[in-house]
């Protein structure tokens, strides 16, 4: 199993147990972190 497949299986299990709030929080954190990295990269490029 790849990492993503494992995450998806976990996700389905969490869905069944109704633990969605935690997943939403995790997704938001990951998305925000990726977004911040992209912004930093753009800033670095525009500084040059």
PDB file of N, CA and C in Angstrom:
ATOM      1  N   UNK A   1       0.836  -1.220   0.000  1.00  0.00           N
ATOM      2  CA  UNK A   1       0.000   0.000   0.000  1.00  0.00           C
ATOM      3  C   UNK A   1       0.863   1.258   0.000  1.00  0.00           C
ATOM      4  N   UNK A   2       0.480   2.198  -0.815  1.00  0.00           N
ATOM      5  CA  UNK A   2       1.186   3.478  -0.793  1.00  0.00           C
ATOM      6  C   UNK A   2       0.678   4.286   0.388  1.00  0.00           C
ATOM      7  N   UNK A   3       1.412   5.337   0.711  1.00  0.00           N
ATOM      8  CA  UNK A   3       1.026   6.206   1.827  1.00  0.00           C
ATOM      9  C   UNK A   3      -0.391   6.751   1.612  1.00  0.00           C
ATOM     10  N   UNK A   4      -0.668   7.185   0.383  1.00  0.00           N
ATOM     11  CA  UNK A   4      -1.980   7.782   0.092  1.00  0.00           C
ATOM     12  C   UNK A   4      -3.096   6.752   0.258  1.00  0.00           C
ATOM     13  N   UNK A   5      -2.849   5.524  -0.216  1.00  0.00           N
ATOM     14  CA  UNK A   5      -3.855   4.472  -0.069  1.00  0.00           C
ATOM     15  C   UNK A   5      -4.136   4.204   1.407  1.00  0.00           C
ATOM     16  N   UNK A   6      -3.060   4.198   2.218  1.00  0.00           N
ATOM     17  CA  UNK A   6      -3.226   3.992   3.656  1.00  0.00           C
ATOM     18  C   UNK A   6      -4.077   5.103   4.250  1.00  0.00           C
ATOM     19  N   UNK A   7      -3.776   6.332   3.847  1.00  0.00           N
ATOM     20  CA  UNK A   7      -4.543   7.484   4.340  1.00  0.00           C
ATOM     21  C   UNK A   7      -6.020   7.349   3.967  1.00  0.00           C
ATOM     22  N   UNK A   8      -6.270   6.914   2.729  1.00  0.00           N
ATOM     23  CA  UNK A   8      -7.648   6.766   2.273  1.00  0.00           C
ATOM     24  C   UNK A   8      -8.387   5.691   3.077  1.00  0.00           C
ATOM     25  N   UNK A   9      -7.708   4.570   3.336  1.00  0.00           N
ATOM     26  CA  UNK A   9      -8.321   3.510   4.134  1.00  0.00           C
ATOM     27  C   UNK A   9      -8.634   4.021   5.528  1.00  0.00           C
ATOM     28  N   UNK A  10      -7.684   4.725   6.113  1.00  0.00           N
ATOM     29  CA  UNK A  10      -7.884   5.327   7.427  1.00  0.00           C
ATOM     30  C   UNK A  10      -9.069   6.275   7.384  1.00  0.00           C
ATOM     31  N   UNK A  11      -9.102   7.076   6.325  1.00  0.00           N
ATOM     32  CA  UNK A  11     -10.164   8.062   6.163  1.00  0.00           C
ATOM     33  C   UNK A  11     -11.531   7.388   6.142  1.00  0.00           C
ATOM     34  N   UNK A  12     -11.638   6.292   5.381  1.00  0.00           N
ATOM     35  CA  UNK A  12     -12.911   5.572   5.307  1.00  0.00           C
ATOM     36  C   UNK A  12     -13.307   5.029   6.672  1.00  0.00           C
ATOM     37  N   UNK A  13     -12.316   4.526   7.410  1.00  0.00           N
ATOM     38  CA  UNK A  13     -12.585   4.002   8.745  1.00  0.00           C
ATOM     39  C   UNK A  13     -13.088   5.125   9.653  1.00  0.00           C
ATOM     40  N   UNK A  14     -12.425   6.272   9.568  1.00  0.00           N
ATOM     41  CA  UNK A  14     -12.813   7.430  10.370  1.00  0.00           C
ATOM     42  C   UNK A  14     -14.228   7.879   9.999  1.00  0.00           C
ATOM     43  N   UNK A  15     -14.544   7.846   8.700  1.00  0.00           N
ATOM     44  CA  UNK A  15     -15.882   8.222   8.243  1.00  0.00           C
ATOM     45  C   UNK A  15     -16.928   7.343   8.909  1.00  0.00           C
ATOM     46  N   UNK A  16     -16.635   6.041   8.954  1.00  0.00           N
ATOM     47  CA  UNK A  16     -17.586   5.112   9.562  1.00  0.00           C
ATOM     48  C   UNK A  16     -17.749   5.373  11.054  1.00  0.00           C
ATOM     49  N   UNK A  17     -16.656   5.756  11.713  1.00  0.00           N
ATOM     50  CA  UNK A  17     -16.748   6.006  13.154  1.00  0.00           C
ATOM     51  C   UNK A  17     -17.189   7.435  13.446  1.00  0.00           C
ATOM     52  N   UNK A  18     -17.408   8.199  12.377  1.00  0.00           N
ATOM     53  CA  UNK A  18     -17.936   9.548  12.546  1.00  0.00           C
ATOM     54  C   UNK A  18     -16.946  10.533  13.142  1.00  0.00           C
ATOM     55  N   UNK A  19     -15.660  10.318  12.845  1.00  0.00           N
ATOM     56  CA  UNK A  19     -14.634  11.184  13.420  1.00  0.00           C
ATOM     57  C   UNK A  19     -14.211  12.262  12.420  1.00  0.00           C
ATOM     58  N   UNK A  20     -15.190  12.886  11.780  1.00  0.00           N
ATOM     59  CA  UNK A  20     -14.901  13.814  10.684  1.00  0.00           C
ATOM     60  C   UNK A  20     -14.300  15.144  11.111  1.00  0.00           C
ATOM     61  N   UNK A  21     -14.689  15.634  12.268  1.00  0.00           N
ATOM     62  CA  UNK A  21     -14.174  16.931  12.714  1.00  0.00           C
ATOM     63  C   UNK A  21     -12.658  16.934  12.775  1.00  0.00           C
ATOM     64  N   UNK A  22     -12.109  15.849  13.321  1.00  0.00           N
ATOM     65  CA  UNK A  22     -10.659  15.728  13.434  1.00  0.00           C
ATOM     66  C   UNK A  22     -10.018  15.728  12.049  1.00  0.00           C
ATOM     67  N   UNK A  23     -10.653  15.019  11.113  1.00  0.00           N
ATOM     68  CA  UNK A  23     -10.124  14.954   9.751  1.00  0.00           C
ATOM     69  C   UNK A  23     -10.164  16.317   9.076  1.00  0.00           C
ATOM     70  N   UNK A  24     -11.255  17.037   9.271  1.00  0.00           N
ATOM     71  CA  UNK A  24     -11.367  18.371   8.685  1.00  0.00           C
ATOM     72  C   UNK A  24     -10.278  19.277   9.221  1.00  0.00           C
ATOM     73  N   UNK A  25     -10.025  19.173  10.520  1.00  0.00           N
ATOM     74  CA  UNK A  25      -8.986  19.983  11.148  1.00  0.00           C
ATOM     75  C   UNK A  25      -7.624  19.653  10.547  1.00  0.00           C
ATOM     76  N   UNK A  26      -7.342  18.354  10.387  1.00  0.00           N
ATOM     77  CA  UNK A  26      -6.068  17.922   9.807  1.00  0.00           C
ATOM     78  C   UNK A  26      -5.923  18.429   8.379  1.00  0.00           C
ATOM     79  N   UNK A  27      -6.990  18.282   7.603  1.00  0.00           N
ATOM     80  CA  UNK A  27      -6.959  18.713   6.207  1.00  0.00           C
ATOM     81  C   UNK A  27      -6.692  20.213   6.113  1.00  0.00           C
ATOM     82  N   UNK A  28      -7.351  20.979   6.978  1.00  0.00           N
ATOM     83  CA  UNK A  28      -7.153  22.430   6.991  1.00  0.00           C
ATOM     84  C   UNK A  28      -5.696  22.767   7.278  1.00  0.00           C
ATOM     85  N   UNK A  29      -5.114  22.084   8.269  1.00  0.00           N
ATOM     86  CA  UNK A  29      -3.723  22.334   8.642  1.00  0.00           C
ATOM     87  C   UNK A  29      -2.780  22.039   7.485  1.00  0.00           C
ATOM     88  N   UNK A  30      -2.986  20.892   6.846  1.00  0.00           N
ATOM     89  CA  UNK A  30      -2.133  20.501   5.723  1.00  0.00           C
ATOM     90  C   UNK A  30      -2.269  21.500   4.585  1.00  0.00           C
ATOM     91  N   UNK A  31      -3.513  21.860   4.274  1.00  0.00           N
ATOM     92  CA  UNK A  31      -3.774  22.802   3.191  1.00  0.00           C
ATOM     93  C   UNK A  31      -3.129  24.148   3.489  1.00  0.00           C
ATOM     94  N   UNK A  32      -3.306  24.619   4.720  1.00  0.00           N
ATOM     95  CA  UNK A  32      -2.760  25.916   5.112  1.00  0.00           C
ATOM     96  C   UNK A  32      -1.243  25.912   5.028  1.00  0.00           C
ATOM     97  N   UNK A  33      -0.625  24.837   5.510  1.00  0.00           N
ATOM     98  CA  UNK A  33       0.835  24.731   5.475  1.00  0.00           C
ATOM     99  C   UNK A  33       1.337  24.774   4.031  1.00  0.00           C
ATOM    100  N   UNK A  34       0.681  24.038   3.144  1.00  0.00           N
ATOM    101  CA  UNK A  34       1.080  24.009   1.735  1.00  0.00           C
ATOM    102  C   UNK A  34       0.904  25.392   1.118  1.00  0.00           C
ATOM    103  N   UNK A  35      -0.184  26.042   1.477  1.00  0.00           N
ATOM    104  CA  UNK A  35      -0.500  27.365   0.970  1.00  0.00           C
ATOM    105  C   UNK A  35       0.569  28.368   1.404  1.00  0.00           C
ATOM    106  N   UNK A  36       0.952  28.308   2.668  1.00  0.00           N
ATOM    107  CA  UNK A  36       1.974  29.208   3.201  1.00  0.00           C
ATOM    108  C   UNK A  36       3.300  29.007   2.476  1.00  0.00           C
ATOM    109  N   UNK A  37       3.670  27.744   2.237  1.00  0.00           N
ATOM    110  CA  UNK A  37       4.903  27.450   1.514  1.00  0.00           C
ATOM    111  C   UNK A  37       4.874  28.072   0.126  1.00  0.00           C
ATOM    112  N   UNK A  38       3.739  27.945  -0.552  1.00  0.00           N
ATOM    113  CA  UNK A  38       3.602  28.499  -1.899  1.00  0.00           C
ATOM    114  C   UNK A  38       3.753  30.019  -1.865  1.00  0.00           C
ATOM    115  N   UNK A  39       3.154  30.649  -0.869  1.00  0.00           N
ATOM    116  CA  UNK A  39       3.247  32.107  -0.746  1.00  0.00           C
ATOM    117  C   UNK A  39       4.697  32.527  -0.513  1.00  0.00           C
ATOM    118  N   UNK A  40       5.390  31.802   0.371  1.00  0.00           N
ATOM    119  CA  UNK A  40       6.798  32.103   0.644  1.00  0.00           C
ATOM    120  C   UNK A  40       7.632  31.987  -0.627  1.00  0.00           C
ATOM    121  N   UNK A  41       7.387  30.913  -1.394  1.00  0.00           N
ATOM    122  CA  UNK A  41       8.114  30.714  -2.649  1.00  0.00           C
ATOM    123  C   UNK A  41       7.882  31.884  -3.598  1.00  0.00           C
ATOM    124  N   UNK A  42       6.637  32.294  -3.740  1.00  0.00           N
ATOM    125  CA  UNK A  42       6.301  33.409  -4.622  1.00  0.00           C
ATOM    126  C   UNK A  42       6.984  34.684  -4.168  1.00  0.00           C
ATOM    127  N   UNK A  43       7.021  34.901  -2.859  1.00  0.00           N
ATOM    128  CA  UNK A  43       7.684  36.086  -2.315  1.00  0.00           C
ATOM    129  C   UNK A  43       9.170  36.065  -2.651  1.00  0.00           C
ATOM    130  N   UNK A  44       9.795  34.903  -2.449  1.00  0.00           N
ATOM    131  CA  UNK A  44      11.223  34.767  -2.754  1.00  0.00           C
ATOM    132  C   UNK A  44      11.492  35.106  -4.212  1.00  0.00           C
ATOM    133  N   UNK A  45      10.649  34.583  -5.103  1.00  0.00           N
ATOM    134  CA  UNK A  45      10.829  34.824  -6.534  1.00  0.00           C
ATOM    135  C   UNK A  45      10.668  36.300  -6.872  1.00  0.00           C
ATOM    136  N   UNK A  46       9.673  36.933  -6.272  1.00  0.00           N
ATOM    137  CA  UNK A  46       9.422  38.336  -6.603  1.00  0.00           C
ATOM    138  C   UNK A  46      10.485  39.263  -6.009  1.00  0.00           C
ATOM    139  N   UNK A  47      11.205  38.796  -4.985  1.00  0.00           N
ATOM    140  CA  UNK A  47      12.269  39.596  -4.377  1.00  0.00           C
ATOM    141  C   UNK A  47      13.478  39.700  -5.301  1.00  0.00           C
ATOM    142  N   UNK A  48      13.698  38.629  -6.087  1.00  0.00           N
ATOM    143  CA  UNK A  48      14.887  38.563  -6.948  1.00  0.00           C
ATOM    144  C   UNK A  48      14.900  39.648  -8.013  1.00  0.00           C
TER     145      UNK A  48
END
